[in-house]
Protein backbone atom coordinates (compact mmCIF):
# COMPACT_ATOMS: atom_id res chain seq x y z
CA UNK A 1 -0.27 0.03 0.04
CA UNK A 2 1.36 3.37 -1.08
CA UNK A 3 2.41 5.72 2.30
CA UNK A 4 0.24 8.51 2.57
CA UNK A 5 2.19 12.04 2.30
CA UNK A 6 1.32 15.76 2.73
CA UNK A 7 3.33 18.21 0.64
CA UNK A 8 2.47 22.15 1.32
CA UNK A 9 3.60 25.08 -0.40
CA UNK A 10 5.41 23.12 -3.63
CA UNK A 11 6.47 25.79 -6.05
CA UNK A 12 4.60 24.28 -9.26
CA UNK A 13 3.39 25.22 -12.99
CA UNK A 14 0.09 23.26 -14.60
CA UNK A 15 1.25 21.54 -17.39
CA UNK A 16 -2.24 19.91 -18.46
CA UNK A 17 -5.93 19.74 -17.16
CA UNK A 18 -8.72 17.58 -18.24
CA UNK A 19 -12.81 16.96 -17.20
CA UNK A 20 -13.25 14.37 -14.44
CA UNK A 21 -16.37 13.67 -13.47
CA UNK A 22 -19.20 16.56 -13.22
CA UNK A 23 -17.16 19.27 -11.23
CA UNK A 24 -13.83 18.16 -10.65
CA UNK A 25 -10.31 18.14 -12.78
CA UNK A 26 -7.64 15.91 -13.12
CA UNK A 27 -4.66 17.91 -13.31
CA UNK A 28 -1.07 17.28 -14.47
CA UNK A 29 1.40 19.53 -12.71
CA UNK A 30 5.26 19.97 -12.63
CA UNK A 31 6.42 20.58 -9.19
CA UNK A 32 10.29 21.66 -7.86
CA UNK A 33 11.03 18.92 -5.48
CA UNK A 34 8.73 16.36 -6.60
CA UNK A 35 8.67 16.72 -10.37
CA UNK A 36 5.63 16.00 -12.09
CA UNK A 37 2.51 15.16 -9.70
CA UNK A 38 -0.50 13.66 -11.04
CA UNK A 39 -3.81 15.50 -8.70
CA UNK A 40 -7.30 15.37 -8.50
CA UNK A 41 -8.49 18.98 -7.92
CA UNK A 42 -12.11 18.34 -6.51
CA UNK A 43 -14.74 20.62 -6.92
CA UNK A 44 -12.74 23.06 -9.40
CA UNK A 45 -15.57 23.19 -12.15
CA UNK A 46 -17.95 24.76 -9.77
CA UNK A 47 -18.79 28.30 -10.37
CA UNK A 48 -17.83 29.18 -6.67
CA UNK A 49 -14.80 27.09 -6.49
CA UNK A 50 -11.21 28.95 -4.90
CA UNK A 51 -9.46 26.36 -7.71
CA UNK A 52 -11.08 27.69 -10.40
CA UNK A 53 -9.44 30.97 -11.53
CA UNK A 54 -5.75 29.60 -10.15
CA UNK A 55 -5.33 26.42 -12.18
CA UNK A 56 -4.27 28.09 -15.29
CA UNK A 57 -0.97 26.96 -17.32
CA UNK A 58 2.41 29.28 -17.45
CA UNK A 59 1.54 30.83 -13.92
CA UNK A 60 3.49 30.22 -10.69
CA UNK A 61 1.40 28.38 -7.96
CA UNK A 62 2.43 26.91 -4.68
CA UNK A 63 0.60 23.94 -4.52
CA UNK A 64 -0.58 21.72 -1.76
CA UNK A 65 -1.70 18.04 -2.17
CA UNK A 66 -1.94 14.80 -0.01
CA UNK A 67 -2.30 10.75 -0.49
CA UNK A 68 -0.57 7.58 -1.51
CA UNK A 69 -1.85 6.75 -4.73
CA UNK A 70 -0.81 7.41 -7.96
CA UNK A 71 -2.75 10.06 -8.04
CA UNK A 72 -3.17 12.75 -5.42
CA UNK A 73 -5.63 15.01 -3.94
CA UNK A 74 -5.08 18.76 -4.61
CA UNK A 75 -5.88 20.52 -1.44
CA UNK A 76 -4.74 24.07 -2.08
CA UNK A 77 -3.55 26.20 -4.71
CA UNK A 78 -1.72 29.59 -4.47
CA UNK A 79 -1.06 32.29 -7.77
CA UNK A 80 2.51 33.62 -6.89
CA UNK A 81 1.72 36.94 -9.64
CA UNK A 82 4.21 38.65 -11.34
CA UNK A 83 3.60 36.92 -14.92
CA UNK A 84 1.69 38.21 -17.84
CA UNK A 85 -0.91 35.83 -19.50
CA UNK A 86 0.92 33.96 -22.52
CA UNK A 87 -0.51 34.84 -25.95
CA UNK A 88 0.28 34.63 -29.58
CA UNK A 89 3.61 33.06 -30.63
CA UNK A 90 4.67 33.38 -27.14
CA UNK A 91 1.48 30.78 -25.88
CA UNK A 92 2.54 28.03 -28.65
CA UNK A 93 5.61 27.82 -27.30
CA UNK A 94 4.37 27.75 -23.81
CA UNK A 95 2.10 24.86 -25.07
CA UNK A 96 5.30 23.27 -27.16
CA UNK A 97 7.49 23.23 -23.59
CA UNK A 98 4.46 21.58 -22.08
CA UNK A 99 4.01 19.08 -24.16
CA UNK A 100 7.78 18.14 -24.04
CA UNK A 101 7.20 17.65 -20.07
CA UNK A 102 4.05 15.55 -20.39
CA UNK A 103 5.97 13.48 -23.07
CA UNK A 104 9.17 13.24 -21.58
CA UNK A 105 8.51 13.52 -17.66
CA UNK A 106 7.61 10.18 -15.60
CA UNK A 107 5.87 10.78 -12.82
CA UNK A 108 7.48 11.70 -9.30
CA UNK A 109 10.70 11.91 -10.83
CA UNK A 110 12.04 15.34 -9.60
CA UNK A 111 14.19 17.34 -11.60
CA UNK A 112 14.85 20.39 -9.72
CA UNK A 113 17.45 22.31 -12.59
CA UNK A 114 14.90 21.24 -15.30
CA UNK A 115 12.36 23.05 -12.92
CA UNK A 116 14.49 25.90 -12.72
CA UNK A 117 15.04 26.23 -16.78
CA UNK A 118 11.44 25.55 -17.04
CA UNK A 119 10.53 28.89 -14.74
CA UNK A 120 13.18 30.89 -16.48
CA UNK A 121 11.59 30.17 -20.20
CA UNK A 122 8.15 30.99 -19.26
CA UNK A 123 9.26 34.23 -17.14
CA UNK A 124 10.92 35.58 -20.54
CA UNK A 125 8.09 34.62 -22.87
CA UNK A 126 5.74 37.43 -22.29
CA UNK A 127 6.27 40.09 -24.57
CA UNK A 128 9.50 38.57 -26.33
CA UNK A 129 10.83 38.12 -29.68
CA UNK A 130 13.25 35.96 -29.64
CA UNK A 131 11.91 32.78 -28.46
CA UNK A 132 14.13 30.46 -30.39
CA UNK A 133 17.52 30.22 -28.20
CA UNK A 134 14.92 30.16 -25.08
CA UNK A 135 13.72 26.82 -26.57
CA UNK A 136 16.87 25.37 -27.85
CA UNK A 137 18.47 26.46 -24.23
CA UNK A 138 15.29 23.99 -23.02
CA UNK A 139 15.71 21.17 -25.58
CA UNK A 140 19.13 20.91 -24.47
CA UNK A 141 18.76 20.62 -20.37
CA UNK A 142 15.25 18.51 -20.74
CA UNK A 143 17.59 15.93 -23.06
CA UNK A 144 20.43 15.97 -20.77
CA UNK A 145 18.11 15.84 -17.63
CA UNK A 146 16.63 12.96 -18.95
CA UNK A 147 19.34 11.37 -19.10
CA UNK A 148 19.59 11.28 -23.08
CA UNK A 149 23.54 12.77 -23.06
CA UNK A 150 24.12 15.41 -25.73
CA UNK A 151 28.29 15.41 -26.20
CA UNK A 152 28.69 18.08 -28.32
CA UNK A 153 32.42 19.77 -27.82
CA UNK A 154 34.65 15.54 -28.28
CA UNK A 155 34.30 13.63 -31.53
CA UNK A 156 33.01 10.28 -31.24
CA UNK A 157 34.94 8.79 -33.38
CA UNK A 158 38.08 9.86 -32.14
CA UNK A 159 39.66 11.57 -29.06
CA UNK A 160 39.57 15.14 -30.61
CA UNK A 161 37.80 18.16 -29.43
CA UNK A 162 35.68 19.33 -32.23
CA UNK A 163 36.89 22.03 -34.53
CA UNK A 164 34.79 25.14 -35.57
CA UNK A 165 35.26 24.95 -39.64
CA UNK A 166 34.58 21.31 -39.98
CA UNK A 167 31.58 19.78 -40.69
CA UNK A 168 29.94 16.88 -38.69
CA UNK A 169 27.24 14.30 -38.75
CA UNK A 170 25.83 13.59 -35.58
CA UNK A 171 25.37 10.14 -34.41
CA UNK A 172 22.23 9.76 -31.70
CA UNK A 173 23.96 8.14 -28.53
CA UNK A 174 27.62 8.65 -29.84
CA UNK A 175 28.05 12.14 -31.02
CA UNK A 176 29.47 14.11 -33.57
CA UNK A 177 32.10 12.36 -36.50
CA UNK A 178 33.69 14.25 -39.46
CA UNK A 179 31.17 13.80 -42.32
CA UNK A 180 31.35 11.08 -44.62
CA UNK A 181 29.41 8.91 -46.59
CA UNK A 182 28.85 6.49 -44.41
CA UNK A 183 26.41 8.37 -42.07
CA UNK A 184 23.70 9.66 -44.62
CA UNK A 185 20.89 10.80 -42.91
CA UNK A 186 22.39 11.62 -39.99
CA UNK A 187 22.31 15.34 -39.39
CA UNK A 188 24.74 17.79 -40.92
CA UNK A 189 26.16 20.49 -38.62
CA UNK A 190 29.39 22.75 -38.16
CA UNK A 191 31.84 22.36 -35.36
CA UNK A 192 30.71 26.12 -34.55
CA UNK A 193 27.05 24.96 -34.04
CA UNK A 194 28.15 22.39 -31.45
CA UNK A 195 30.57 24.71 -29.82
CA UNK A 196 27.88 27.79 -29.48
CA UNK A 197 25.24 25.27 -28.27
CA UNK A 198 27.93 23.88 -25.45
CA UNK A 199 28.08 27.13 -24.48
CA UNK A 200 24.67 28.65 -24.73
CA UNK A 201 25.29 31.03 -27.21
CA UNK A 202 22.44 31.64 -30.06
CA UNK A 203 23.31 34.39 -31.75
CA UNK A 204 24.44 32.74 -35.31
CA UNK A 205 21.76 32.26 -38.19
CA UNK A 206 23.63 29.38 -38.72
CA UNK A 207 23.67 27.87 -35.34
CA UNK A 208 19.79 28.51 -34.96
CA UNK A 209 19.01 26.69 -37.66
CA UNK A 210 21.27 23.82 -37.53
CA UNK A 211 20.94 23.40 -33.64
CA UNK A 212 16.87 23.49 -34.17
CA UNK A 213 17.14 20.42 -37.04
CA UNK A 214 19.81 18.48 -34.93
CA UNK A 215 17.35 18.95 -31.44
CA UNK A 216 14.40 17.94 -33.39
CA UNK A 217 15.99 14.46 -34.99
CA UNK A 218 17.23 13.65 -31.08
CA UNK A 219 13.84 14.53 -29.61
CA UNK A 220 11.68 13.02 -32.23
CA UNK A 221 14.59 9.92 -31.88
CA UNK A 222 13.72 9.40 -28.05
CA UNK A 223 9.93 10.11 -28.38
CA UNK A 224 10.17 7.13 -31.00
CA UNK A 225 9.26 9.46 -34.26
CA UNK A 226 5.62 10.02 -32.22
CA UNK A 227 4.80 13.37 -33.73
CA UNK A 228 3.96 16.49 -31.12
CA UNK A 229 1.02 18.14 -31.42
CA UNK A 230 2.51 21.65 -30.84
CA UNK A 231 4.63 21.34 -33.83
CA UNK A 232 1.57 20.54 -36.22
CA UNK A 233 -0.56 22.95 -34.62
CA UNK A 234 2.09 25.85 -35.09
CA UNK A 235 2.31 24.56 -38.57
CA UNK A 236 -1.47 25.03 -39.21
CA UNK A 237 -1.46 28.77 -37.88
CA UNK A 238 1.35 29.55 -40.16
CA UNK A 239 -0.57 28.33 -43.25
CA UNK A 240 -3.66 30.54 -42.50
């Protein structure tokens, strides 16, 4: 039998909600110290519920819950303020981040560093124009935190550092090798891009383009090729 627990004042964000029975919600929350948590928010859909206007995505909360099963009972959620609502492209970016966390994170697997990265990106999205560097840094942190190391600065085929002016192919679960005809299908990437990624620098247009292609390839692989709904929705919006 799972041991019952009570957690109070835990920093967290809402990743997803869906209706449960007539008046309640199932809530997926990303907490700082407990990872992704499934919660039942009893009565949250009632017009007078204290939770009704609080359980919003992309808003910093303090969350209390209790219970010992896979899905806990939400006791209280307090909005911490200071975060404008996301709109437009920033909203789509937030939806993409939340979908990544829902797809990658098992329940109750704490990742405080990933949580802090997520909180920083969410805080930077409102009113921003340069979204791609934020997304690339988050994707890298996510893959590393999930145990899918992304070697960037050392060649996989030789004990040698990556050179800025050399073109490489990136082999999943190994790293970069000098471009040749034996690795057709693996993403091409310049050494400078790999160095920039390792240092968290995404100012160069070429680095932005190649890092996006590389990280998309890696994420798709680790998701078993299953498409992300947020990418499909964003493409559809751009075509309108």
